[in-house]
Amino acid sequence: MDCCGRPLEFKKLPELLIPAWRSYKPRVAVCPVCKTYYEKKPYRKTGYKQQGNILFCTFDGDGVEWARVDHPIHNGSSPDSGDGQVEYELVPYCAMCENKPISPGQPIDAKMWVDEL
């Protein structure tokens, strides 16, 4: 992707900012000329451009929608069990050119979740 006639350099955010269990792990870039913020999913060539407080799809210009992905917390005494706690994540997607993210998402191991906080 380009902005202001220059290629954007997308970078992965540090894992300290995005826990391993998250579904959305964007690559981010800022245009060196106009300072516009962009983000994209690792497997897509197009992404999202921020205008004000809204993200727009760089492919078709539509505003992105947000899907809630539920991550069950496995904190029970037996493997893959828990007491019903859930961590919620909002994941952006373009309704015109992407599938809506599915829920539930990846379960969270309670020990891993506490260690990341």
C-alpha atoms as a PDB file:
ATOM      1  CA  MET A   1       0.000   0.000   0.000  1.00  0.00           C
ATOM      2  CA  ASP A   2       1.075   3.545  -0.729  1.00  0.00           C
ATOM      3  CA  CYS A   3       0.188   6.938   0.717  1.00  0.00           C
ATOM      4  CA  CYS A   4       1.293  10.318  -0.655  1.00  0.00           C
ATOM      5  CA  GLY A   5       3.174   8.483  -3.414  1.00  0.00           C
ATOM      6  CA  ARG A   6       5.341   6.525  -0.984  1.00  0.00           C
ATOM      7  CA  PRO A   7       5.147   2.857   0.053  1.00  0.00           C
ATOM      8  CA  LEU A   8       3.996   2.286   3.616  1.00  0.00           C
ATOM      9  CA  GLU A   9       6.173   0.208   5.924  1.00  0.00           C
ATOM     10  CA  PHE A  10       3.908  -1.969   8.063  1.00  0.00           C
ATOM     11  CA  LYS A  11       5.287  -3.202  11.363  1.00  0.00           C
ATOM     12  CA  LYS A  12       4.127  -5.846  13.782  1.00  0.00           C
ATOM     13  CA  LEU A  13       3.170  -4.501  17.216  1.00  0.00           C
ATOM     14  CA  PRO A  14       5.178  -5.847  20.170  1.00  0.00           C
ATOM     15  CA  GLU A  15       3.655  -8.936  21.778  1.00  0.00           C
ATOM     16  CA  LEU A  16       3.503  -7.022  25.052  1.00  0.00           C
ATOM     17  CA  LEU A  17       0.751  -4.894  23.491  1.00  0.00           C
ATOM     18  CA  ILE A  18      -1.197  -7.759  21.924  1.00  0.00           C
ATOM     19  CA  PRO A  19      -1.676 -10.966  23.941  1.00  0.00           C
ATOM     20  CA  ALA A  20      -1.164 -14.250  22.078  1.00  0.00           C
ATOM     21  CA  TRP A  21      -4.829 -15.264  22.413  1.00  0.00           C
ATOM     22  CA  ARG A  22      -6.155 -12.224  20.523  1.00  0.00           C
ATOM     23  CA  SER A  23      -7.719 -12.818  17.108  1.00  0.00           C
ATOM     24  CA  TYR A  24      -6.735  -9.435  15.678  1.00  0.00           C
ATOM     25  CA  LYS A  25      -2.999  -8.781  15.492  1.00  0.00           C
ATOM     26  CA  PRO A  26      -2.662  -5.843  13.111  1.00  0.00           C
ATOM     27  CA  ARG A  27       0.402  -4.567  11.333  1.00  0.00           C
ATOM     28  CA  VAL A  28       0.540  -0.757  11.576  1.00  0.00           C
ATOM     29  CA  ALA A  29       2.038   2.063   9.524  1.00  0.00           C
ATOM     30  CA  VAL A  30       2.022   5.852   9.564  1.00  0.00           C
ATOM     31  CA  CYS A  31       2.495   7.847   6.366  1.00  0.00           C
ATOM     32  CA  PRO A  32       5.761   9.806   6.689  1.00  0.00           C
ATOM     33  CA  VAL A  33       4.267  12.736   4.749  1.00  0.00           C
ATOM     34  CA  CYS A  34       0.653  13.231   5.930  1.00  0.00           C
ATOM     35  CA  LYS A  35       0.890  11.192   9.179  1.00  0.00           C
ATOM     36  CA  THR A  36      -2.238   9.144   8.327  1.00  0.00           C
ATOM     37  CA  TYR A  37      -2.522   5.967  10.413  1.00  0.00           C
ATOM     38  CA  TYR A  38      -3.026   2.603   8.675  1.00  0.00           C
ATOM     39  CA  GLU A  39      -3.421  -0.939   9.898  1.00  0.00           C
ATOM     40  CA  LYS A  40      -3.879  -4.254   8.162  1.00  0.00           C
ATOM     41  CA  LYS A  41      -4.246  -7.923   8.874  1.00  0.00           C
ATOM     42  CA  PRO A  42      -1.078  -9.920   8.161  1.00  0.00           C
ATOM     43  CA  TYR A  43      -2.690 -11.996   5.405  1.00  0.00           C
ATOM     44  CA  ARG A  44      -4.303  -9.091   3.466  1.00  0.00           C
ATOM     45  CA  LYS A  45      -2.797  -6.751   0.881  1.00  0.00           C
ATOM     46  CA  THR A  46      -5.353  -4.060   1.677  1.00  0.00           C
ATOM     47  CA  GLY A  47      -6.099  -2.654   5.090  1.00  0.00           C
ATOM     48  CA  TYR A  48      -7.759   0.166   6.989  1.00  0.00           C
ATOM     49  CA  LYS A  49      -7.101   3.888   6.878  1.00  0.00           C
ATOM     50  CA  GLN A  50      -7.996   6.079   9.835  1.00  0.00           C
ATOM     51  CA  GLN A  51      -9.926   9.264   9.130  1.00  0.00           C
ATOM     52  CA  GLY A  52     -10.901  11.028  12.337  1.00  0.00           C
ATOM     53  CA  ASN A  53     -12.008   8.276  14.721  1.00  0.00           C
ATOM     54  CA  ILE A  54     -13.217   5.934  11.968  1.00  0.00           C
ATOM     55  CA  LEU A  55     -11.386   3.217  10.034  1.00  0.00           C
ATOM     56  CA  PHE A  56     -12.130   2.847   6.315  1.00  0.00           C
ATOM     57  CA  CYS A  57     -11.260  -0.053   4.034  1.00  0.00           C
ATOM     58  CA  THR A  58      -8.437   0.909   1.658  1.00  0.00           C
ATOM     59  CA  PHE A  59      -9.886  -1.381  -1.041  1.00  0.00           C
ATOM     60  CA  ASP A  60     -13.472  -0.149  -1.359  1.00  0.00           C
ATOM     61  CA  GLY A  61     -13.611   2.906   0.944  1.00  0.00           C
ATOM     62  CA  ASP A  62     -16.373   1.531   3.177  1.00  0.00           C
ATOM     63  CA  GLY A  63     -16.278   2.157   6.900  1.00  0.00           C
ATOM     64  CA  VAL A  64     -15.267  -0.939   8.816  1.00  0.00           C
ATOM     65  CA  GLU A  65     -17.619  -2.778  11.095  1.00  0.00           C
ATOM     66  CA  TRP A  66     -16.690  -4.417  14.381  1.00  0.00           C
ATOM     67  CA  ALA A  67     -17.436  -7.974  15.455  1.00  0.00           C
ATOM     68  CA  ARG A  68     -17.249  -9.214  19.026  1.00  0.00           C
ATOM     69  CA  VAL A  69     -15.110 -12.298  19.487  1.00  0.00           C
ATOM     70  CA  ASP A  70     -15.551 -14.110  22.800  1.00  0.00           C
ATOM     71  CA  HIS A  71     -12.553 -15.861  24.347  1.00  0.00           C
ATOM     72  CA  PRO A  72     -13.580 -18.313  27.104  1.00  0.00           C
ATOM     73  CA  ILE A  73     -11.203 -18.360  30.059  1.00  0.00           C
ATOM     74  CA  HIS A  74     -10.149 -21.866  31.047  1.00  0.00           C
ATOM     75  CA  ASN A  75      -9.622 -21.549  34.777  1.00  0.00           C
ATOM     76  CA  GLY A  76     -11.193 -24.787  35.988  1.00  0.00           C
ATOM     77  CA  SER A  77      -9.566 -27.663  37.819  1.00  0.00           C
ATOM     78  CA  SER A  78      -9.688 -29.953  34.787  1.00  0.00           C
ATOM     79  CA  PRO A  79      -8.219 -29.175  31.343  1.00  0.00           C
ATOM     80  CA  ASP A  80     -10.360 -27.036  29.032  1.00  0.00           C
ATOM     81  CA  SER A  81     -12.845 -26.151  31.766  1.00  0.00           C
ATOM     82  CA  GLY A  82     -13.805 -22.909  33.393  1.00  0.00           C
ATOM     83  CA  ASP A  83     -16.380 -21.061  35.442  1.00  0.00           C
ATOM     84  CA  GLY A  84     -17.950 -19.148  32.562  1.00  0.00           C
ATOM     85  CA  GLN A  85     -15.662 -16.112  32.492  1.00  0.00           C
ATOM     86  CA  VAL A  86     -15.072 -14.629  29.048  1.00  0.00           C
ATOM     87  CA  GLU A  87     -12.715 -11.980  27.683  1.00  0.00           C
ATOM     88  CA  TYR A  88     -14.262  -9.943  24.856  1.00  0.00           C
ATOM     89  CA  GLU A  89     -12.386  -8.574  21.860  1.00  0.00           C
ATOM     90  CA  LEU A  90     -13.620  -6.251  19.108  1.00  0.00           C
ATOM     91  CA  VAL A  91     -12.237  -7.147  15.677  1.00  0.00           C
ATOM     92  CA  PRO A  92     -12.570  -4.824  12.662  1.00  0.00           C
ATOM     93  CA  TYR A  93     -13.644  -6.093   9.248  1.00  0.00           C
ATOM     94  CA  CYS A  94     -14.958  -4.705   5.962  1.00  0.00           C
ATOM     95  CA  ALA A  95     -18.441  -6.121   5.371  1.00  0.00           C
ATOM     96  CA  MET A  96     -17.984  -5.722   1.595  1.00  0.00           C
ATOM     97  CA  CYS A  97     -14.708  -7.612   1.146  1.00  0.00           C
ATOM     98  CA  GLU A  98     -14.084  -9.684   4.301  1.00  0.00           C
ATOM     99  CA  ASN A  99     -15.934 -12.359   6.203  1.00  0.00           C
ATOM    100  CA  LYS A 100     -17.221 -11.432   9.628  1.00  0.00           C
ATOM    101  CA  PRO A 101     -14.852 -12.784  12.319  1.00  0.00           C
ATOM    102  CA  ILE A 102     -16.196 -15.849  14.066  1.00  0.00           C
ATOM    103  CA  SER A 103     -16.928 -16.296  17.733  1.00  0.00           C
ATOM    104  CA  PRO A 104     -15.993 -17.965  19.984  1.00  0.00           C
ATOM    105  CA  GLY A 105     -12.322 -17.236  19.602  1.00  0.00           C
ATOM    106  CA  GLN A 106      -9.287 -18.995  20.976  1.00  0.00           C
ATOM    107  CA  PRO A 107      -9.719 -20.047  24.612  1.00  0.00           C
ATOM    108  CA  ILE A 108      -7.477 -18.364  27.162  1.00  0.00           C
ATOM    109  CA  ASP A 109      -5.459 -20.484  29.551  1.00  0.00           C
ATOM    110  CA  ALA A 110      -5.998 -18.739  32.903  1.00  0.00           C
ATOM    111  CA  LYS A 111      -2.334 -19.005  33.885  1.00  0.00           C
ATOM    112  CA  MET A 112      -1.213 -17.503  30.555  1.00  0.00           C
ATOM    113  CA  TRP A 113      -3.818 -14.744  30.868  1.00  0.00           C
ATOM    114  CA  VAL A 114      -2.691 -13.743  34.371  1.00  0.00           C
ATOM    115  CA  ASP A 115       0.981 -13.797  33.325  1.00  0.00           C
ATOM    116  CA  GLU A 116       0.249 -11.351  30.486  1.00  0.00           C
ATOM    117  CA  LEU A 117      -1.431  -8.765  32.703  1.00  0.00           C
END
